[in-house]
Amino acid sequence: MPKIKSLSGASKRFKRTGSGRFKRGQSHTSHILTKKSTKRKRHLRSGELVAQADTPAVRRMLPYSV
């Protein structure tokens, strides 16, 4: 049985946690930052977990993240 390729875009965006969930970065942090408040930008720096509904799709994209 051949190996399954991981989706390279997903492997750059998601990391598996110890409990089996996936970490992701926040959006809206790359440009047009002058109109965003300092508080908003500071809260966007922290990571977030992928929603439970989206976890099966991410797991399919990253078959060897188990």
PDB file of N, CA and C in Angstrom:
ATOM      1  N   MET A   1       0.848  -1.181   0.000  1.00  0.00           N
ATOM      2  CA  MET A   1       0.000   0.000   0.000  1.00  0.00           C
ATOM      3  C   MET A   1       0.892   1.243   0.000  1.00  0.00           C
ATOM      4  N   PRO A   2       0.712   2.164  -0.948  1.00  0.00           N
ATOM      5  CA  PRO A   2       1.566   3.353  -0.983  1.00  0.00           C
ATOM      6  C   PRO A   2       1.197   4.340   0.119  1.00  0.00           C
ATOM      7  N   LYS A   3       2.157   5.198   0.426  1.00  0.00           N
ATOM      8  CA  LYS A   3       1.907   6.242   1.417  1.00  0.00           C
ATOM      9  C   LYS A   3       0.930   7.264   0.845  1.00  0.00           C
ATOM     10  N   ILE A   4       0.193   7.913   1.732  1.00  0.00           N
ATOM     11  CA  ILE A   4      -0.713   8.979   1.336  1.00  0.00           C
ATOM     12  C   ILE A   4       0.007  10.303   1.545  1.00  0.00           C
ATOM     13  N   LYS A   5      -0.080  11.180   0.562  1.00  0.00           N
ATOM     14  CA  LYS A   5       0.563  12.485   0.712  1.00  0.00           C
ATOM     15  C   LYS A   5      -0.279  13.395   1.591  1.00  0.00           C
ATOM     16  N   SER A   6       0.402  14.155   2.439  1.00  0.00           N
ATOM     17  CA  SER A   6      -0.270  15.190   3.212  1.00  0.00           C
ATOM     18  C   SER A   6      -0.483  16.393   2.311  1.00  0.00           C
ATOM     19  N   LEU A   7      -1.557  17.134   2.557  1.00  0.00           N
ATOM     20  CA  LEU A   7      -1.789  18.370   1.824  1.00  0.00           C
ATOM     21  C   LEU A   7      -0.795  19.402   2.356  1.00  0.00           C
ATOM     22  N   SER A   8       0.116  19.874   1.511  1.00  0.00           N
ATOM     23  CA  SER A   8       1.227  20.689   2.014  1.00  0.00           C
ATOM     24  C   SER A   8       0.750  22.009   2.594  1.00  0.00           C
ATOM     25  N   GLY A   9      -0.328  22.573   2.065  1.00  0.00           N
ATOM     26  CA  GLY A   9      -0.865  23.812   2.630  1.00  0.00           C
ATOM     27  C   GLY A   9      -1.381  23.608   4.036  1.00  0.00           C
ATOM     28  N   ALA A  10      -1.997  22.451   4.271  1.00  0.00           N
ATOM     29  CA  ALA A  10      -2.522  22.150   5.605  1.00  0.00           C
ATOM     30  C   ALA A  10      -1.389  21.879   6.584  1.00  0.00           C
ATOM     31  N   SER A  11      -0.317  21.244   6.116  1.00  0.00           N
ATOM     32  CA  SER A  11       0.789  20.941   7.021  1.00  0.00           C
ATOM     33  C   SER A  11       1.502  22.210   7.479  1.00  0.00           C
ATOM     34  N   LYS A  12       1.407  23.294   6.681  1.00  0.00           N
ATOM     35  CA  LYS A  12       1.989  24.566   7.084  1.00  0.00           C
ATOM     36  C   LYS A  12       1.073  25.327   8.047  1.00  0.00           C
ATOM     37  N   ARG A  13      -0.211  25.043   8.029  1.00  0.00           N
ATOM     38  CA  ARG A  13      -1.174  25.826   8.792  1.00  0.00           C
ATOM     39  C   ARG A  13      -1.624  25.188  10.096  1.00  0.00           C
ATOM     40  N   PHE A  14      -1.543  23.859  10.215  1.00  0.00           N
ATOM     41  CA  PHE A  14      -2.084  23.174  11.379  1.00  0.00           C
ATOM     42  C   PHE A  14      -1.017  22.331  12.060  1.00  0.00           C
ATOM     43  N   LYS A  15      -1.087  22.275  13.399  1.00  0.00           N
ATOM     44  CA  LYS A  15      -0.207  21.417  14.188  1.00  0.00           C
ATOM     45  C   LYS A  15      -1.079  20.604  15.123  1.00  0.00           C
ATOM     46  N   ARG A  16      -0.703  19.351  15.314  1.00  0.00           N
ATOM     47  CA  ARG A  16      -1.464  18.466  16.195  1.00  0.00           C
ATOM     48  C   ARG A  16      -1.084  18.728  17.647  1.00  0.00           C
ATOM     49  N   THR A  17      -2.066  18.764  18.547  1.00  0.00           N
ATOM     50  CA  THR A  17      -1.784  18.923  19.972  1.00  0.00           C
ATOM     51  C   THR A  17      -1.666  17.540  20.609  1.00  0.00           C
ATOM     52  N   GLY A  18      -1.268  17.507  21.850  1.00  0.00           N
ATOM     53  CA  GLY A  18      -1.125  16.236  22.543  1.00  0.00           C
ATOM     54  C   GLY A  18      -2.435  15.516  22.742  1.00  0.00           C
ATOM     55  N   SER A  19      -3.524  16.266  22.845  1.00  0.00           N
ATOM     56  CA  SER A  19      -4.833  15.649  23.066  1.00  0.00           C
ATOM     57  C   SER A  19      -5.503  15.234  21.761  1.00  0.00           C
ATOM     58  N   GLY A  20      -4.850  15.486  20.618  1.00  0.00           N
ATOM     59  CA  GLY A  20      -5.402  15.055  19.338  1.00  0.00           C
ATOM     60  C   GLY A  20      -6.160  16.118  18.582  1.00  0.00           C
ATOM     61  N   ARG A  21      -6.253  17.320  19.141  1.00  0.00           N
ATOM     62  CA  ARG A  21      -6.910  18.401  18.406  1.00  0.00           C
ATOM     63  C   ARG A  21      -5.874  19.127  17.551  1.00  0.00           C
ATOM     64  N   PHE A  22      -6.283  20.144  16.817  1.00  0.00           N
ATOM     65  CA  PHE A  22      -5.381  20.856  15.922  1.00  0.00           C
ATOM     66  C   PHE A  22      -5.322  22.325  16.292  1.00  0.00           C
ATOM     67  N   LYS A  23      -4.093  22.869  16.316  1.00  0.00           N
ATOM     68  CA  LYS A  23      -3.878  24.292  16.533  1.00  0.00           C
ATOM     69  C   LYS A  23      -3.860  24.995  15.184  1.00  0.00           C
ATOM     70  N   ARG A  24      -4.279  26.248  15.185  1.00  0.00           N
ATOM     71  CA  ARG A  24      -4.233  27.060  13.978  1.00  0.00           C
ATOM     72  C   ARG A  24      -3.924  28.488  14.365  1.00  0.00           C
ATOM     73  N   GLY A  25      -3.440  29.268  13.408  1.00  0.00           N
ATOM     74  CA  GLY A  25      -3.195  30.677  13.647  1.00  0.00           C
ATOM     75  C   GLY A  25      -4.427  31.491  13.319  1.00  0.00           C
ATOM     76  N   GLN A  26      -4.464  32.706  13.828  1.00  0.00           N
ATOM     77  CA  GLN A  26      -5.592  33.586  13.567  1.00  0.00           C
ATOM     78  C   GLN A  26      -5.434  34.256  12.205  1.00  0.00           C
ATOM     79  N   SER A  27      -6.537  34.601  11.590  1.00  0.00           N
ATOM     80  CA  SER A  27      -6.514  35.337  10.332  1.00  0.00           C
ATOM     81  C   SER A  27      -6.502  36.833  10.605  1.00  0.00           C
ATOM     82  N   HIS A  28      -6.421  37.633   9.561  1.00  0.00           N
ATOM     83  CA  HIS A  28      -6.451  39.105   9.618  1.00  0.00           C
ATOM     84  C   HIS A  28      -5.232  39.693  10.315  1.00  0.00           C
ATOM     85  N   THR A  29      -4.062  39.061  10.186  1.00  0.00           N
ATOM     86  CA  THR A  29      -2.875  39.582  10.873  1.00  0.00           C
ATOM     87  C   THR A  29      -1.757  39.984   9.922  1.00  0.00           C
ATOM     88  N   SER A  30      -1.981  39.906   8.607  1.00  0.00           N
ATOM     89  CA  SER A  30      -0.850  40.078   7.707  1.00  0.00           C
ATOM     90  C   SER A  30      -0.726  41.479   7.109  1.00  0.00           C
ATOM     91  N   HIS A  31      -1.837  42.178   6.911  1.00  0.00           N
ATOM     92  CA  HIS A  31      -1.733  43.521   6.334  1.00  0.00           C
ATOM     93  C   HIS A  31      -2.954  44.338   6.742  1.00  0.00           C
ATOM     94  N   ILE A  32      -2.944  45.629   6.384  1.00  0.00           N
ATOM     95  CA  ILE A  32      -3.969  46.601   6.779  1.00  0.00           C
ATOM     96  C   ILE A  32      -4.118  46.601   8.308  1.00  0.00           C
ATOM     97  N   LEU A  33      -2.995  46.775   8.985  1.00  0.00           N
ATOM     98  CA  LEU A  33      -3.004  46.717  10.444  1.00  0.00           C
ATOM     99  C   LEU A  33      -3.191  48.088  11.091  1.00  0.00           C
ATOM    100  N   THR A  34      -3.074  49.166  10.312  1.00  0.00           N
ATOM    101  CA  THR A  34      -3.128  50.496  10.909  1.00  0.00           C
ATOM    102  C   THR A  34      -4.526  50.820  11.430  1.00  0.00           C
ATOM    103  N   LYS A  35      -5.554  50.328  10.786  1.00  0.00           N
ATOM    104  CA  LYS A  35      -6.910  50.633  11.229  1.00  0.00           C
ATOM    105  C   LYS A  35      -7.399  49.700  12.330  1.00  0.00           C
ATOM    106  N   LYS A  36      -6.641  48.671  12.655  1.00  0.00           N
ATOM    107  CA  LYS A  36      -7.038  47.739  13.711  1.00  0.00           C
ATOM    108  C   LYS A  36      -6.458  48.203  15.041  1.00  0.00           C
ATOM    109  N   SER A  37      -7.236  48.071  16.086  1.00  0.00           N
ATOM    110  CA  SER A  37      -6.793  48.550  17.399  1.00  0.00           C
ATOM    111  C   SER A  37      -5.684  47.658  17.943  1.00  0.00           C
ATOM    112  N   THR A  38      -4.932  48.199  18.873  1.00  0.00           N
ATOM    113  CA  THR A  38      -3.841  47.448  19.490  1.00  0.00           C
ATOM    114  C   THR A  38      -4.375  46.215  20.215  1.00  0.00           C
ATOM    115  N   LYS A  39      -5.494  46.376  20.887  1.00  0.00           N
ATOM    116  CA  LYS A  39      -6.100  45.250  21.604  1.00  0.00           C
ATOM    117  C   LYS A  39      -6.492  44.131  20.637  1.00  0.00           C
ATOM    118  N   ARG A  40      -7.063  44.519  19.507  1.00  0.00           N
ATOM    119  CA  ARG A  40      -7.484  43.521  18.521  1.00  0.00           C
ATOM    120  C   ARG A  40      -6.286  42.768  17.965  1.00  0.00           C
ATOM    121  N   LYS A  41      -5.221  43.501  17.627  1.00  0.00           N
ATOM    122  CA  LYS A  41      -4.017  42.853  17.090  1.00  0.00           C
ATOM    123  C   LYS A  41      -3.353  41.969  18.130  1.00  0.00           C
ATOM    124  N   ARG A  42      -3.357  42.388  19.383  1.00  0.00           N
ATOM    125  CA  ARG A  42      -2.761  41.596  20.446  1.00  0.00           C
ATOM    126  C   ARG A  42      -3.516  40.279  20.637  1.00  0.00           C
ATOM    127  N   HIS A  43      -4.832  40.311  20.583  1.00  0.00           N
ATOM    128  CA  HIS A  43      -5.610  39.084  20.744  1.00  0.00           C
ATOM    129  C   HIS A  43      -5.490  38.165  19.530  1.00  0.00           C
ATOM    130  N   LEU A  44      -5.208  38.731  18.370  1.00  0.00           N
ATOM    131  CA  LEU A  44      -5.028  37.904  17.173  1.00  0.00           C
ATOM    132  C   LEU A  44      -3.691  37.170  17.176  1.00  0.00           C
ATOM    133  N   ARG A  45      -2.743  37.595  18.017  1.00  0.00           N
ATOM    134  CA  ARG A  45      -1.439  36.922  18.064  1.00  0.00           C
ATOM    135  C   ARG A  45      -1.541  35.511  18.604  1.00  0.00           C
ATOM    136  N   SER A  46      -2.471  35.280  19.524  1.00  0.00           N
ATOM    137  CA  SER A  46      -2.560  33.962  20.145  1.00  0.00           C
ATOM    138  C   SER A  46      -3.185  32.965  19.181  1.00  0.00           C
ATOM    139  N   GLY A  47      -2.825  31.708  19.345  1.00  0.00           N
ATOM    140  CA  GLY A  47      -3.379  30.657  18.509  1.00  0.00           C
ATOM    141  C   GLY A  47      -4.774  30.270  18.933  1.00  0.00           C
ATOM    142  N   GLU A  48      -5.376  29.395  18.175  1.00  0.00           N
ATOM    143  CA  GLU A  48      -6.742  28.962  18.432  1.00  0.00           C
ATOM    144  C   GLU A  48      -6.828  27.490  18.040  1.00  0.00           C
ATOM    145  N   LEU A  49      -7.798  26.793  18.578  1.00  0.00           N
ATOM    146  CA  LEU A  49      -8.013  25.408  18.188  1.00  0.00           C
ATOM    147  C   LEU A  49      -9.001  25.348  17.038  1.00  0.00           C
ATOM    148  N   VAL A  50      -8.818  24.371  16.159  1.00  0.00           N
ATOM    149  CA  VAL A  50      -9.752  24.165  15.056  1.00  0.00           C
ATOM    150  C   VAL A  50     -11.081  23.704  15.637  1.00  0.00           C
ATOM    151  N   ALA A  51     -12.187  24.186  15.087  1.00  0.00           N
ATOM    152  CA  ALA A  51     -13.517  23.816  15.568  1.00  0.00           C
ATOM    153  C   ALA A  51     -13.738  22.316  15.427  1.00  0.00           C
ATOM    154  N   GLN A  52     -14.562  21.773  16.315  1.00  0.00           N
ATOM    155  CA  GLN A  52     -14.829  20.327  16.302  1.00  0.00           C
ATOM    156  C   GLN A  52     -15.420  19.892  14.959  1.00  0.00           C
ATOM    157  N   ALA A  53     -16.248  20.734  14.342  1.00  0.00           N
ATOM    158  CA  ALA A  53     -16.879  20.379  13.072  1.00  0.00           C
ATOM    159  C   ALA A  53     -15.864  20.291  11.938  1.00  0.00           C
ATOM    160  N   ASP A  54     -14.752  21.044  12.031  1.00  0.00           N
ATOM    161  CA  ASP A  54     -13.750  21.064  10.968  1.00  0.00           C
ATOM    162  C   ASP A  54     -12.621  20.071  11.198  1.00  0.00           C
ATOM    163  N   THR A  55     -12.552  19.482  12.381  1.00  0.00           N
ATOM    164  CA  THR A  55     -11.454  18.571  12.710  1.00  0.00           C
ATOM    165  C   THR A  55     -11.378  17.357  11.788  1.00  0.00           C
ATOM    166  N   PRO A  56     -12.489  16.696  11.420  1.00  0.00           N
ATOM    167  CA  PRO A  56     -12.369  15.557  10.496  1.00  0.00           C
ATOM    168  C   PRO A  56     -11.773  15.926   9.144  1.00  0.00           C
ATOM    169  N   ALA A  57     -12.081  17.120   8.641  1.00  0.00           N
ATOM    170  CA  ALA A  57     -11.523  17.550   7.356  1.00  0.00           C
ATOM    171  C   ALA A  57     -10.022  17.753   7.471  1.00  0.00           C
ATOM    172  N   VAL A  58      -9.563  18.350   8.578  1.00  0.00           N
ATOM    173  CA  VAL A  58      -8.127  18.565   8.775  1.00  0.00           C
ATOM    174  C   VAL A  58      -7.426  17.227   8.948  1.00  0.00           C
ATOM    175  N   ARG A  59      -8.069  16.293   9.629  1.00  0.00           N
ATOM    176  CA  ARG A  59      -7.467  14.972   9.833  1.00  0.00           C
ATOM    177  C   ARG A  59      -7.280  14.243   8.501  1.00  0.00           C
ATOM    178  N   ARG A  60      -8.232  14.423   7.578  1.00  0.00           N
ATOM    179  CA  ARG A  60      -8.087  13.819   6.244  1.00  0.00           C
ATOM    180  C   ARG A  60      -6.938  14.448   5.467  1.00  0.00           C
ATOM    181  N   MET A  61      -6.741  15.756   5.656  1.00  0.00           N
ATOM    182  CA  MET A  61      -5.653  16.447   4.958  1.00  0.00           C
ATOM    183  C   MET A  61      -4.293  16.064   5.491  1.00  0.00           C
ATOM    184  N   LEU A  62      -4.225  15.676   6.781  1.00  0.00           N
ATOM    185  CA  LEU A  62      -2.960  15.316   7.417  1.00  0.00           C
ATOM    186  C   LEU A  62      -3.046  13.876   7.940  1.00  0.00           C
ATOM    187  N   PRO A  63      -2.910  12.901   7.052  1.00  0.00           N
ATOM    188  CA  PRO A  63      -3.157  11.510   7.477  1.00  0.00           C
ATOM    189  C   PRO A  63      -2.148  10.969   8.474  1.00  0.00           C
ATOM    190  N   TYR A  64      -0.937  11.507   8.553  1.00  0.00           N
ATOM    191  CA  TYR A  64       0.082  10.965   9.441  1.00  0.00           C
ATOM    192  C   TYR A  64       0.300  11.837  10.667  1.00  0.00           C
ATOM    193  N   SER A  65      -0.666  12.681  11.002  1.00  0.00           N
ATOM    194  CA  SER A  65      -0.518  13.541  12.175  1.00  0.00           C
ATOM    195  C   SER A  65      -0.967  12.829  13.440  1.00  0.00           C
ATOM    196  N   VAL A  66      -1.256  11.548  13.358  1.00  0.00           N
ATOM    197  CA  VAL A  66      -1.716  10.780  14.511  1.00  0.00           C
ATOM    198  C   VAL A  66      -0.564  10.486  15.402  1.00  0.00           C
TER     199      VAL A  66
END
